[in-house]
Amino acid sequence: NRGIYMLEPFDPNRIPVLMVHGLWSSPVTWMPMFNDLRSFTELRKNYQFWFYHYPTGQPFWMSATQLRSDLAELRQRLDADHRYPALDQMVVVGHSMGGLVSRMQTIESGQEFWRILSDKPFDAVQGKPEDVQQLAQELFFHPNPSIRRVVTIGTPHRGSAYANDTTRWLGRKFIKLPTVMVSTGKSLVHENPGVFRTTELLTTNTSIDSLSPDSPVFPV
């Protein structure tokens, strides 16, 4: 299940290190590194290790939106009054596609992601309030002030050549996107004729599609 996991009891005095796995992977991939890091007394004393699990078949920007929400919910649960300074020193470590999910936690979106889709004002978008809200959460966001450092490992910051016509075709055959995600995108396209410059990002994208070097998301 999607979410943030801890292998040790929460410690308000230690800095969180959140590890975000990559494509076709899971938090299990971090276990050798986790065990090595815990062998250092200073690291064990000052840091606590958390792990994020997310469905890797969906576009990385959707996973980034979900992580943004999950981090906010966790902070509200653990430290709603922001009494623990260590939680504002968070380090995020992302591997492969997880590095893109992590990096997007530090970006100020402005209007740039919306401009990929449309040259109309966002207020022009019609549809179910929950669908419009979901789209807004994916397009408009601020850096997480609690994250002080992001470390990426083997991350395709300019896309991956492995996301070619063949792998993208296979991805669409084998990856089943969440029904809600597909229906939301199609509903917004149907309700807004002439608003969107491109609809592919709203409807058929898988994680492999999202990693294409030709994706308009990477220049932004």
N, C-alpha and C. Protein backbone atom coordinates (compact mmCIF):
# COMPACT_ATOMS: atom_id res chain seq x y z
N ASN A 1 0.83 -1.20 0.00
CA ASN A 1 0.00 0.00 0.00
C ASN A 1 0.87 1.25 0.00
N ARG A 2 0.35 2.29 -0.65
CA ARG A 2 1.05 3.56 -0.70
C ARG A 2 1.16 4.15 0.70
N GLY A 3 2.32 4.77 1.00
CA GLY A 3 2.46 5.44 2.28
C GLY A 3 3.88 5.55 2.74
N ILE A 4 4.07 6.24 3.87
CA ILE A 4 5.37 6.42 4.49
C ILE A 4 5.49 5.41 5.63
N TYR A 5 6.58 4.64 5.63
CA TYR A 5 6.76 3.57 6.61
C TYR A 5 8.01 3.82 7.44
N MET A 6 7.93 3.43 8.72
CA MET A 6 9.06 3.52 9.64
C MET A 6 9.35 2.12 10.18
N LEU A 7 10.64 1.78 10.29
CA LEU A 7 11.02 0.49 10.86
C LEU A 7 11.37 0.61 12.33
N GLU A 8 11.41 1.84 12.83
CA GLU A 8 11.70 2.09 14.24
C GLU A 8 10.67 3.09 14.77
N PRO A 9 10.46 3.14 16.08
CA PRO A 9 9.54 4.12 16.64
C PRO A 9 9.96 5.55 16.29
N PHE A 10 8.99 6.41 16.07
CA PHE A 10 9.28 7.80 15.74
C PHE A 10 10.04 8.47 16.87
N ASP A 11 11.09 9.23 16.50
CA ASP A 11 11.90 9.96 17.46
C ASP A 11 11.88 11.44 17.07
N PRO A 12 11.26 12.30 17.87
CA PRO A 12 11.13 13.72 17.50
C PRO A 12 12.45 14.48 17.47
N ASN A 13 13.51 13.87 17.98
CA ASN A 13 14.80 14.56 18.06
C ASN A 13 15.78 14.17 16.96
N ARG A 14 15.40 13.23 16.12
CA ARG A 14 16.31 12.81 15.05
C ARG A 14 15.77 13.28 13.69
N ILE A 15 16.69 13.65 12.81
CA ILE A 15 16.33 14.15 11.47
C ILE A 15 15.84 12.99 10.61
N PRO A 16 14.69 13.14 9.95
CA PRO A 16 14.21 12.08 9.06
C PRO A 16 15.00 12.03 7.76
N VAL A 17 15.31 10.84 7.33
CA VAL A 17 15.84 10.58 5.99
C VAL A 17 14.79 9.73 5.29
N LEU A 18 14.13 10.32 4.31
CA LEU A 18 13.06 9.61 3.60
C LEU A 18 13.62 9.02 2.31
N MET A 19 13.48 7.70 2.15
CA MET A 19 14.00 7.01 0.98
C MET A 19 12.85 6.67 0.03
N VAL A 20 13.02 7.05 -1.23
CA VAL A 20 11.97 6.89 -2.23
C VAL A 20 12.49 5.98 -3.35
N HIS A 21 11.87 4.83 -3.50
CA HIS A 21 12.35 3.83 -4.47
C HIS A 21 12.03 4.23 -5.91
N GLY A 22 12.53 3.44 -6.84
CA GLY A 22 12.37 3.74 -8.25
C GLY A 22 11.36 2.85 -8.96
N LEU A 23 11.40 2.90 -10.29
CA LEU A 23 10.48 2.16 -11.14
C LEU A 23 10.60 0.65 -10.91
N TRP A 24 9.45 -0.04 -10.86
CA TRP A 24 9.38 -1.49 -10.65
C TRP A 24 10.08 -1.92 -9.37
N SER A 25 10.04 -1.10 -8.36
CA SER A 25 10.78 -1.40 -7.14
C SER A 25 9.88 -1.20 -5.92
N SER A 26 10.48 -1.26 -4.73
CA SER A 26 9.74 -1.10 -3.48
C SER A 26 10.74 -0.70 -2.40
N PRO A 27 10.28 -0.37 -1.19
CA PRO A 27 11.21 -0.02 -0.12
C PRO A 27 12.22 -1.10 0.22
N VAL A 28 11.94 -2.35 -0.15
CA VAL A 28 12.86 -3.45 0.15
C VAL A 28 14.24 -3.19 -0.47
N THR A 29 14.25 -2.48 -1.60
CA THR A 29 15.53 -2.24 -2.28
C THR A 29 16.49 -1.42 -1.42
N TRP A 30 15.96 -0.71 -0.42
CA TRP A 30 16.80 0.14 0.44
C TRP A 30 17.40 -0.61 1.62
N MET A 31 17.00 -1.84 1.88
CA MET A 31 17.40 -2.52 3.11
C MET A 31 18.92 -2.66 3.27
N PRO A 32 19.68 -3.05 2.24
CA PRO A 32 21.14 -3.12 2.43
C PRO A 32 21.75 -1.78 2.81
N MET A 33 21.29 -0.69 2.15
CA MET A 33 21.82 0.63 2.48
C MET A 33 21.39 1.04 3.89
N PHE A 34 20.15 0.76 4.23
CA PHE A 34 19.64 1.09 5.56
C PHE A 34 20.48 0.40 6.64
N ASN A 35 20.76 -0.86 6.46
CA ASN A 35 21.56 -1.60 7.45
C ASN A 35 22.98 -1.05 7.54
N ASP A 36 23.56 -0.68 6.39
CA ASP A 36 24.91 -0.10 6.41
C ASP A 36 24.92 1.24 7.14
N LEU A 37 23.95 2.09 6.85
CA LEU A 37 23.92 3.41 7.47
C LEU A 37 23.72 3.32 8.98
N ARG A 38 22.92 2.37 9.41
CA ARG A 38 22.67 2.22 10.84
C ARG A 38 23.89 1.70 11.60
N SER A 39 24.88 1.21 10.87
CA SER A 39 26.09 0.71 11.53
C SER A 39 26.99 1.85 11.99
N PHE A 40 26.72 3.09 11.52
CA PHE A 40 27.51 4.25 11.93
C PHE A 40 26.84 4.91 13.14
N THR A 41 27.56 4.96 14.24
CA THR A 41 26.98 5.47 15.49
C THR A 41 26.43 6.87 15.35
N GLU A 42 27.18 7.77 14.69
CA GLU A 42 26.74 9.16 14.56
C GLU A 42 25.46 9.28 13.73
N LEU A 43 25.38 8.48 12.67
CA LEU A 43 24.17 8.51 11.84
C LEU A 43 22.98 7.97 12.61
N ARG A 44 23.20 6.88 13.31
CA ARG A 44 22.12 6.27 14.09
C ARG A 44 21.63 7.22 15.19
N LYS A 45 22.55 7.99 15.73
CA LYS A 45 22.22 8.92 16.82
C LYS A 45 21.42 10.12 16.32
N ASN A 46 21.71 10.59 15.10
CA ASN A 46 21.16 11.86 14.62
C ASN A 46 20.06 11.73 13.57
N TYR A 47 19.92 10.55 12.97
CA TYR A 47 18.96 10.39 11.87
C TYR A 47 18.04 9.20 12.10
N GLN A 48 16.81 9.33 11.60
CA GLN A 48 15.88 8.20 11.56
C GLN A 48 15.48 7.99 10.10
N PHE A 49 15.30 6.75 9.72
CA PHE A 49 15.09 6.41 8.31
C PHE A 49 13.63 6.03 8.06
N TRP A 50 13.03 6.73 7.10
CA TRP A 50 11.66 6.46 6.68
C TRP A 50 11.69 6.00 5.22
N PHE A 51 10.62 5.32 4.81
CA PHE A 51 10.56 4.76 3.45
C PHE A 51 9.20 5.06 2.83
N TYR A 52 9.25 5.51 1.56
CA TYR A 52 8.00 5.80 0.86
C TYR A 52 7.72 4.71 -0.14
N HIS A 53 6.48 4.22 -0.13
CA HIS A 53 6.04 3.20 -1.09
C HIS A 53 4.92 3.78 -1.94
N TYR A 54 5.03 3.67 -3.25
CA TYR A 54 4.03 4.24 -4.14
C TYR A 54 3.90 3.35 -5.37
N PRO A 55 2.76 3.40 -6.08
CA PRO A 55 2.58 2.60 -7.29
C PRO A 55 3.42 3.16 -8.43
N THR A 56 4.32 2.36 -8.97
CA THR A 56 5.28 2.90 -9.95
C THR A 56 4.76 2.88 -11.39
N GLY A 57 3.52 2.42 -11.60
CA GLY A 57 2.99 2.41 -12.96
C GLY A 57 2.44 3.75 -13.39
N GLN A 58 2.19 4.65 -12.44
CA GLN A 58 1.58 5.93 -12.78
C GLN A 58 2.66 6.98 -13.05
N PRO A 59 2.31 8.07 -13.75
CA PRO A 59 3.29 9.13 -14.03
C PRO A 59 3.94 9.64 -12.75
N PHE A 60 5.22 10.00 -12.86
CA PHE A 60 5.95 10.38 -11.65
C PHE A 60 5.39 11.64 -11.01
N TRP A 61 4.77 12.53 -11.82
CA TRP A 61 4.24 13.75 -11.23
C TRP A 61 3.00 13.46 -10.38
N MET A 62 2.28 12.39 -10.69
CA MET A 62 1.16 12.01 -9.83
C MET A 62 1.67 11.46 -8.50
N SER A 63 2.74 10.66 -8.56
CA SER A 63 3.35 10.15 -7.32
C SER A 63 3.90 11.30 -6.49
N ALA A 64 4.45 12.32 -7.15
CA ALA A 64 4.97 13.48 -6.43
C ALA A 64 3.84 14.22 -5.72
N THR A 65 2.69 14.32 -6.37
CA THR A 65 1.53 14.95 -5.75
C THR A 65 1.09 14.18 -4.51
N GLN A 66 1.07 12.85 -4.63
CA GLN A 66 0.67 12.02 -3.50
C GLN A 66 1.67 12.10 -2.36
N LEU A 67 2.97 12.12 -2.68
CA LEU A 67 3.98 12.25 -1.62
C LEU A 67 3.83 13.59 -0.91
N ARG A 68 3.57 14.64 -1.66
CA ARG A 68 3.37 15.96 -1.05
C ARG A 68 2.24 15.90 -0.03
N SER A 69 1.16 15.24 -0.42
CA SER A 69 0.01 15.11 0.47
C SER A 69 0.32 14.21 1.66
N ASP A 70 1.01 13.11 1.43
CA ASP A 70 1.32 12.16 2.50
C ASP A 70 2.26 12.77 3.53
N LEU A 71 3.23 13.58 3.07
CA LEU A 71 4.15 14.24 4.00
C LEU A 71 3.40 15.26 4.87
N ALA A 72 2.49 15.99 4.25
CA ALA A 72 1.72 16.99 5.01
C ALA A 72 0.84 16.31 6.05
N GLU A 73 0.24 15.19 5.66
CA GLU A 73 -0.63 14.46 6.59
C GLU A 73 0.18 13.87 7.74
N LEU A 74 1.36 13.34 7.43
CA LEU A 74 2.21 12.77 8.48
C LEU A 74 2.67 13.84 9.46
N ARG A 75 3.06 15.01 8.94
CA ARG A 75 3.50 16.09 9.82
C ARG A 75 2.36 16.54 10.73
N GLN A 76 1.17 16.60 10.18
CA GLN A 76 0.01 16.98 10.97
C GLN A 76 -0.23 15.98 12.09
N ARG A 77 0.01 14.73 11.80
CA ARG A 77 -0.23 13.68 12.79
C ARG A 77 0.86 13.64 13.87
N LEU A 78 2.11 13.84 13.45
CA LEU A 78 3.23 13.72 14.38
C LEU A 78 3.55 15.02 15.12
N ASP A 79 3.33 16.15 14.44
CA ASP A 79 3.82 17.41 15.00
C ASP A 79 3.01 18.57 14.44
N ALA A 80 1.72 18.59 14.76
CA ALA A 80 0.84 19.61 14.20
C ALA A 80 1.25 21.02 14.59
N ASP A 81 1.87 21.16 15.76
CA ASP A 81 2.26 22.49 16.25
C ASP A 81 3.69 22.88 15.87
N HIS A 82 4.35 22.01 15.10
CA HIS A 82 5.74 22.26 14.66
C HIS A 82 6.65 22.56 15.85
N ARG A 83 6.64 21.65 16.80
CA ARG A 83 7.48 21.80 18.00
C ARG A 83 8.85 21.13 17.85
N TYR A 84 9.00 20.28 16.82
CA TYR A 84 10.22 19.48 16.68
C TYR A 84 11.08 20.00 15.52
N PRO A 85 12.12 20.77 15.79
CA PRO A 85 12.96 21.35 14.73
C PRO A 85 13.58 20.30 13.81
N ALA A 86 13.84 19.11 14.31
CA ALA A 86 14.48 18.07 13.48
C ALA A 86 13.64 17.73 12.26
N LEU A 87 12.32 17.88 12.39
CA LEU A 87 11.44 17.53 11.27
C LEU A 87 11.50 18.56 10.15
N ASP A 88 12.13 19.70 10.42
CA ASP A 88 12.32 20.71 9.37
C ASP A 88 13.72 20.64 8.76
N GLN A 89 14.41 19.53 9.00
CA GLN A 89 15.74 19.31 8.43
C GLN A 89 15.75 18.05 7.56
N MET A 90 14.60 17.67 7.05
CA MET A 90 14.45 16.39 6.36
C MET A 90 15.37 16.26 5.14
N VAL A 91 15.91 15.05 4.97
CA VAL A 91 16.69 14.69 3.79
C VAL A 91 15.87 13.66 3.01
N VAL A 92 15.73 13.86 1.71
CA VAL A 92 15.01 12.90 0.86
C VAL A 92 16.00 12.29 -0.12
N VAL A 93 16.03 10.96 -0.16
CA VAL A 93 16.93 10.23 -1.05
C VAL A 93 16.07 9.46 -2.05
N GLY A 94 16.21 9.78 -3.33
CA GLY A 94 15.40 9.12 -4.36
C GLY A 94 16.25 8.37 -5.35
N HIS A 95 15.84 7.14 -5.66
CA HIS A 95 16.55 6.33 -6.65
C HIS A 95 15.74 6.29 -7.94
N SER A 96 16.41 6.47 -9.08
CA SER A 96 15.79 6.35 -10.39
C SER A 96 14.58 7.29 -10.48
N MET A 97 13.41 6.77 -10.85
CA MET A 97 12.23 7.62 -10.96
C MET A 97 11.87 8.25 -9.61
N GLY A 98 12.23 7.58 -8.52
CA GLY A 98 11.99 8.15 -7.19
C GLY A 98 12.73 9.45 -6.99
N GLY A 99 13.83 9.65 -7.71
CA GLY A 99 14.55 10.91 -7.63
C GLY A 99 13.74 12.06 -8.21
N LEU A 100 12.94 11.77 -9.25
CA LEU A 100 12.07 12.80 -9.84
C LEU A 100 10.93 13.11 -8.88
N VAL A 101 10.37 12.07 -8.28
CA VAL A 101 9.31 12.26 -7.29
C VAL A 101 9.83 13.12 -6.14
N SER A 102 11.08 12.87 -5.74
CA SER A 102 11.69 13.61 -4.63
C SER A 102 11.99 15.05 -5.02
N ARG A 103 12.57 15.24 -6.18
CA ARG A 103 12.96 16.58 -6.62
C ARG A 103 11.76 17.51 -6.73
N MET A 104 10.62 16.94 -7.12
CA MET A 104 9.43 17.76 -7.29
C MET A 104 8.88 18.29 -5.97
N GLN A 105 9.42 17.78 -4.85
CA GLN A 105 9.01 18.31 -3.55
C GLN A 105 9.68 19.67 -3.28
N THR A 106 10.64 20.04 -4.09
CA THR A 106 11.41 21.26 -3.84
C THR A 106 11.16 22.35 -4.89
N ILE A 107 10.19 22.13 -5.78
CA ILE A 107 9.96 23.02 -6.91
C ILE A 107 8.79 23.96 -6.64
N GLU A 108 8.94 25.20 -7.08
CA GLU A 108 7.83 26.15 -7.10
C GLU A 108 7.21 26.08 -8.49
N SER A 109 5.97 25.64 -8.57
CA SER A 109 5.37 25.36 -9.88
C SER A 109 5.06 26.63 -10.68
N GLY A 110 4.63 27.69 -9.98
CA GLY A 110 4.14 28.85 -10.72
C GLY A 110 3.04 28.41 -11.68
N GLN A 111 3.05 28.98 -12.88
CA GLN A 111 2.09 28.62 -13.92
C GLN A 111 2.70 27.67 -14.96
N GLU A 112 3.96 27.27 -14.73
CA GLU A 112 4.72 26.60 -15.78
C GLU A 112 4.13 25.25 -16.20
N PHE A 113 3.67 24.44 -15.25
CA PHE A 113 3.14 23.12 -15.61
C PHE A 113 1.78 23.27 -16.29
N TRP A 114 0.99 24.24 -15.85
CA TRP A 114 -0.30 24.48 -16.48
C TRP A 114 -0.11 24.93 -17.93
N ARG A 115 0.94 25.70 -18.19
CA ARG A 115 1.16 26.20 -19.55
C ARG A 115 1.51 25.08 -20.53
N ILE A 116 1.96 23.94 -20.03
CA ILE A 116 2.18 22.79 -20.90
C ILE A 116 0.85 22.34 -21.51
N LEU A 117 -0.20 22.44 -20.70
CA LEU A 117 -1.51 21.92 -21.11
C LEU A 117 -2.37 22.93 -21.84
N SER A 118 -2.23 24.21 -21.49
CA SER A 118 -3.19 25.18 -22.02
C SER A 118 -2.64 26.60 -21.98
N ASP A 119 -3.17 27.43 -22.87
CA ASP A 119 -2.85 28.86 -22.82
C ASP A 119 -4.02 29.66 -22.27
N LYS A 120 -5.05 28.95 -21.79
CA LYS A 120 -6.20 29.59 -21.16
C LYS A 120 -5.94 29.72 -19.65
N PRO A 121 -6.64 30.61 -18.95
CA PRO A 121 -6.50 30.66 -17.49
C PRO A 121 -7.09 29.40 -16.86
N PHE A 122 -6.53 28.96 -15.76
CA PHE A 122 -7.00 27.72 -15.13
C PHE A 122 -8.46 27.84 -14.70
N ASP A 123 -8.89 29.06 -14.39
CA ASP A 123 -10.27 29.27 -13.98
C ASP A 123 -11.27 28.87 -15.07
N ALA A 124 -10.78 28.72 -16.29
CA ALA A 124 -11.67 28.34 -17.39
C ALA A 124 -12.03 26.87 -17.35
N VAL A 125 -11.33 26.08 -16.57
CA VAL A 125 -11.57 24.63 -16.53
C VAL A 125 -12.90 24.33 -15.86
N GLN A 126 -13.72 23.54 -16.54
CA GLN A 126 -15.02 23.11 -16.01
C GLN A 126 -14.95 21.62 -15.66
N GLY A 127 -15.84 21.21 -14.75
CA GLY A 127 -15.90 19.80 -14.39
C GLY A 127 -16.32 19.61 -12.95
N LYS A 128 -16.32 18.34 -12.53
CA LYS A 128 -16.65 18.05 -11.13
C LYS A 128 -15.62 18.73 -10.23
N PRO A 129 -16.07 19.33 -9.13
CA PRO A 129 -15.13 20.03 -8.24
C PRO A 129 -13.96 19.16 -7.80
N GLU A 130 -14.22 17.88 -7.53
CA GLU A 130 -13.12 17.00 -7.09
C GLU A 130 -12.13 16.74 -8.21
N ASP A 131 -12.61 16.69 -9.47
CA ASP A 131 -11.71 16.48 -10.61
C ASP A 131 -10.84 17.72 -10.84
N VAL A 132 -11.45 18.89 -10.78
CA VAL A 132 -10.70 20.14 -10.97
C VAL A 132 -9.69 20.32 -9.85
N GLN A 133 -10.07 19.97 -8.63
CA GLN A 133 -9.16 20.09 -7.50
C GLN A 133 -7.96 19.15 -7.65
N GLN A 134 -8.23 17.92 -8.11
CA GLN A 134 -7.14 16.97 -8.32
C GLN A 134 -6.15 17.49 -9.35
N LEU A 135 -6.67 18.05 -10.45
CA LEU A 135 -5.80 18.61 -11.49
C LEU A 135 -4.99 19.77 -10.93
N ALA A 136 -5.62 20.61 -10.14
CA ALA A 136 -4.92 21.77 -9.55
C ALA A 136 -3.79 21.31 -8.64
N GLN A 137 -4.01 20.26 -7.87
CA GLN A 137 -2.98 19.77 -6.95
C GLN A 137 -1.76 19.24 -7.71
N GLU A 138 -2.00 18.69 -8.89
CA GLU A 138 -0.90 18.16 -9.69
C GLU A 138 -0.13 19.27 -10.39
N LEU A 139 -0.77 20.39 -10.65
CA LEU A 139 -0.17 21.45 -11.46
C LEU A 139 0.39 22.63 -10.66
N PHE A 140 -0.20 22.90 -9.52
CA PHE A 140 0.17 24.09 -8.74
C PHE A 140 0.61 23.68 -7.34
N PHE A 141 1.86 23.97 -7.00
CA PHE A 141 2.38 23.54 -5.69
C PHE A 141 3.60 24.38 -5.32
N HIS A 142 3.98 24.29 -4.06
CA HIS A 142 5.11 25.04 -3.52
C HIS A 142 6.16 24.07 -2.98
N PRO A 143 7.39 24.53 -2.80
CA PRO A 143 8.41 23.67 -2.18
C PRO A 143 8.01 23.32 -0.75
N ASN A 144 8.37 22.13 -0.34
CA ASN A 144 8.13 21.72 1.05
C ASN A 144 9.22 22.35 1.92
N PRO A 145 8.86 23.26 2.83
CA PRO A 145 9.88 23.95 3.62
C PRO A 145 10.59 23.06 4.63
N SER A 146 10.07 21.87 4.87
CA SER A 146 10.69 20.95 5.83
C SER A 146 11.83 20.15 5.20
N ILE A 147 11.92 20.17 3.87
CA ILE A 147 12.96 19.40 3.18
C ILE A 147 14.16 20.29 2.95
N ARG A 148 15.32 19.92 3.50
CA ARG A 148 16.53 20.74 3.38
C ARG A 148 17.48 20.21 2.31
N ARG A 149 17.36 18.94 1.97
CA ARG A 149 18.28 18.38 0.99
C ARG A 149 17.63 17.22 0.26
N VAL A 150 17.88 17.14 -1.04
CA VAL A 150 17.44 15.99 -1.85
C VAL A 150 18.67 15.37 -2.50
N VAL A 151 18.81 14.07 -2.33
CA VAL A 151 19.90 13.32 -2.95
C VAL A 151 19.27 12.38 -3.98
N THR A 152 19.73 12.43 -5.22
CA THR A 152 19.19 11.52 -6.23
C THR A 152 20.28 10.57 -6.71
N ILE A 153 19.86 9.33 -6.97
CA ILE A 153 20.78 8.27 -7.37
C ILE A 153 20.28 7.67 -8.68
N GLY A 154 21.06 7.80 -9.74
CA GLY A 154 20.68 7.21 -11.03
C GLY A 154 19.34 7.72 -11.53
N THR A 155 19.12 9.02 -11.40
CA THR A 155 17.82 9.60 -11.75
C THR A 155 17.86 10.24 -13.14
N PRO A 156 16.87 9.93 -13.99
CA PRO A 156 16.83 10.49 -15.35
C PRO A 156 16.24 11.90 -15.36
N HIS A 157 17.04 12.89 -14.96
CA HIS A 157 16.53 14.25 -14.85
C HIS A 157 16.14 14.86 -16.19
N ARG A 158 16.61 14.29 -17.27
CA ARG A 158 16.22 14.76 -18.61
C ARG A 158 15.45 13.68 -19.37
N GLY A 159 14.88 12.75 -18.63
CA GLY A 159 14.18 11.64 -19.26
C GLY A 159 15.12 10.48 -19.52
N SER A 160 14.56 9.37 -19.96
CA SER A 160 15.35 8.17 -20.19
C SER A 160 15.15 7.64 -21.60
N ALA A 161 16.26 7.29 -22.24
CA ALA A 161 16.20 6.72 -23.58
C ALA A 161 15.52 5.35 -23.58
N TYR A 162 15.42 4.74 -22.40
CA TYR A 162 14.72 3.45 -22.30
C TYR A 162 13.22 3.61 -22.51
N ALA A 163 12.73 4.84 -22.36
CA ALA A 163 11.32 5.11 -22.60
C ALA A 163 11.13 5.41 -24.09
N ASN A 164 11.25 4.38 -24.90
CA ASN A 164 11.13 4.54 -26.35
C ASN A 164 9.77 4.00 -26.82
N ASP A 165 9.57 4.00 -28.13
CA ASP A 165 8.26 3.59 -28.66
C ASP A 165 7.89 2.17 -28.22
N THR A 166 8.87 1.28 -28.21
CA THR A 166 8.59 -0.12 -27.86
C THR A 166 8.23 -0.27 -26.39
N THR A 167 9.04 0.30 -25.50
CA THR A 167 8.77 0.15 -24.07
C THR A 167 7.50 0.89 -23.67
N ARG A 168 7.22 2.00 -24.33
CA ARG A 168 6.00 2.74 -24.01
C ARG A 168 4.78 1.94 -24.45
N TRP A 169 4.86 1.27 -25.60
CA TRP A 169 3.76 0.41 -26.07
C TRP A 169 3.55 -0.75 -25.10
N LEU A 170 4.65 -1.37 -24.68
CA LEU A 170 4.54 -2.47 -23.73
C LEU A 170 3.97 -1.98 -22.40
N GLY A 171 4.41 -0.80 -21.98
CA GLY A 171 3.90 -0.25 -20.73
C GLY A 171 2.40 -0.08 -20.75
N ARG A 172 1.88 0.39 -21.87
CA ARG A 172 0.43 0.58 -21.97
C ARG A 172 -0.32 -0.74 -21.98
N LYS A 173 0.36 -1.82 -22.44
CA LYS A 173 -0.26 -3.14 -22.43
C LYS A 173 -0.30 -3.74 -21.04
N PHE A 174 0.76 -3.51 -20.26
CA PHE A 174 0.90 -4.22 -18.99
C PHE A 174 0.59 -3.38 -17.75
N ILE A 175 0.64 -2.05 -17.88
CA ILE A 175 0.37 -1.19 -16.74
C ILE A 175 -1.10 -0.79 -16.75
N LYS A 176 -1.79 -1.10 -15.69
CA LYS A 176 -3.18 -0.71 -15.55
C LYS A 176 -3.26 0.51 -14.64
N LEU A 177 -3.54 1.65 -15.23
CA LEU A 177 -3.63 2.88 -14.45
C LEU A 177 -4.88 2.84 -13.56
N PRO A 178 -4.83 3.52 -12.41
CA PRO A 178 -6.00 3.56 -11.53
C PRO A 178 -7.23 4.06 -12.29
N THR A 179 -8.34 3.37 -12.09
CA THR A 179 -9.58 3.71 -12.79
C THR A 179 -9.97 5.16 -12.56
N VAL A 180 -9.80 5.62 -11.32
CA VAL A 180 -10.18 7.00 -10.99
C VAL A 180 -9.34 7.99 -11.78
N MET A 181 -8.03 7.68 -11.92
CA MET A 181 -7.14 8.58 -12.64
C MET A 181 -7.57 8.70 -14.11
N VAL A 182 -7.86 7.56 -14.74
CA VAL A 182 -8.23 7.55 -16.15
C VAL A 182 -9.56 8.27 -16.35
N SER A 183 -10.54 7.95 -15.50
CA SER A 183 -11.86 8.56 -15.66
C SER A 183 -11.84 10.06 -15.39
N THR A 184 -11.00 10.49 -14.45
CA THR A 184 -10.88 11.92 -14.16
C THR A 184 -10.33 12.67 -15.36
N GLY A 185 -9.25 12.13 -15.95
CA GLY A 185 -8.65 12.78 -17.11
C GLY A 185 -9.61 12.86 -18.29
N LYS A 186 -10.29 11.75 -18.57
CA LYS A 186 -11.21 11.72 -19.71
C LYS A 186 -12.40 12.65 -19.47
N SER A 187 -12.85 12.71 -18.23
CA SER A 187 -13.97 13.59 -17.90
C SER A 187 -13.60 15.06 -18.10
N LEU A 188 -12.40 15.44 -17.68
CA LEU A 188 -11.96 16.83 -17.83
C LEU A 188 -11.80 17.19 -19.31
N VAL A 189 -11.27 16.26 -20.09
CA VAL A 189 -11.12 16.52 -21.53
C VAL A 189 -12.49 16.70 -22.17
N HIS A 190 -13.44 15.84 -21.80
CA HIS A 190 -14.79 15.91 -22.37
C HIS A 190 -15.49 17.22 -22.00
N GLU A 191 -15.28 17.67 -20.74
CA GLU A 191 -15.98 18.86 -20.25
C GLU A 191 -15.35 20.17 -20.74
N ASN A 192 -14.15 20.08 -21.34
CA ASN A 192 -13.42 21.30 -21.68
C ASN A 192 -12.91 21.30 -23.12
N PRO A 193 -13.79 21.23 -24.08
CA PRO A 193 -13.34 21.26 -25.49
C PRO A 193 -12.66 22.59 -25.79
N GLY A 194 -11.49 22.51 -26.40
CA GLY A 194 -10.78 23.72 -26.79
C GLY A 194 -9.93 24.35 -25.71
N VAL A 195 -9.97 23.80 -24.49
CA VAL A 195 -9.19 24.38 -23.40
C VAL A 195 -7.77 23.83 -23.38
N PHE A 196 -7.63 22.51 -23.59
CA PHE A 196 -6.33 21.87 -23.47
C PHE A 196 -5.60 21.81 -24.81
N ARG A 197 -4.35 22.24 -24.79
CA ARG A 197 -3.50 22.18 -25.97
C ARG A 197 -3.14 20.73 -26.29
N THR A 198 -2.91 19.94 -25.24
CA THR A 198 -2.63 18.52 -25.39
C THR A 198 -3.43 17.78 -24.34
N THR A 199 -3.90 16.59 -24.68
CA THR A 199 -4.70 15.81 -23.72
C THR A 199 -3.99 14.53 -23.29
N GLU A 200 -2.87 14.20 -23.95
CA GLU A 200 -2.20 12.94 -23.66
C GLU A 200 -1.76 12.85 -22.20
N LEU A 201 -1.27 13.95 -21.66
CA LEU A 201 -0.80 13.94 -20.27
C LEU A 201 -1.94 13.70 -19.29
N LEU A 202 -3.17 13.96 -19.72
CA LEU A 202 -4.33 13.81 -18.83
C LEU A 202 -4.96 12.43 -18.92
N THR A 203 -4.68 11.68 -19.97
CA THR A 203 -5.47 10.48 -20.22
C THR A 203 -4.67 9.17 -20.27
N THR A 204 -3.70 9.06 -21.17
CA THR A 204 -3.11 7.75 -21.43
C THR A 204 -1.72 7.55 -20.83
N ASN A 205 -1.20 8.52 -20.10
CA ASN A 205 0.18 8.43 -19.65
C ASN A 205 0.40 7.36 -18.60
N THR A 206 1.47 6.56 -18.77
CA THR A 206 1.95 5.65 -17.75
C THR A 206 3.28 6.20 -17.24
N SER A 207 3.87 5.53 -16.27
CA SER A 207 5.16 5.98 -15.75
C SER A 207 6.22 5.98 -16.84
N ILE A 208 6.17 5.00 -17.75
CA ILE A 208 7.16 4.92 -18.82
C ILE A 208 6.97 6.08 -19.79
N ASP A 209 5.70 6.38 -20.13
CA ASP A 209 5.43 7.55 -20.96
C ASP A 209 6.01 8.81 -20.31
N SER A 210 5.83 8.92 -18.99
CA SER A 210 6.24 10.15 -18.30
C SER A 210 7.75 10.33 -18.29
N LEU A 211 8.50 9.24 -18.53
CA LEU A 211 9.96 9.31 -18.52
C LEU A 211 10.56 9.57 -19.90
N SER A 212 9.73 9.72 -20.92
CA SER A 212 10.24 9.97 -22.26
C SER A 212 11.04 11.26 -22.31
N PRO A 213 12.22 11.24 -22.95
CA PRO A 213 13.00 12.49 -23.09
C PRO A 213 12.24 13.58 -23.84
N ASP A 214 11.22 13.18 -24.61
CA ASP A 214 10.43 14.15 -25.37
C ASP A 214 9.32 14.78 -24.54
N SER A 215 9.13 14.31 -23.31
CA SER A 215 8.05 14.85 -22.48
C SER A 215 8.26 16.34 -22.23
N PRO A 216 7.20 17.13 -22.40
CA PRO A 216 7.33 18.58 -22.16
C PRO A 216 7.52 18.93 -20.69
N VAL A 217 7.39 17.95 -19.81
CA VAL A 217 7.54 18.20 -18.38
C VAL A 217 8.99 18.47 -18.01
N PHE A 218 9.94 17.79 -18.65
CA PHE A 218 11.34 17.90 -18.24
C PHE A 218 11.95 19.29 -18.41
N PRO A 219 11.69 19.99 -19.51
CA PRO A 219 12.23 21.35 -19.58
C PRO A 219 11.73 22.25 -18.46
N VAL A 220 10.48 22.06 -18.03
CA VAL A 220 9.92 22.84 -16.93
C VAL A 220 10.62 22.46 -15.63
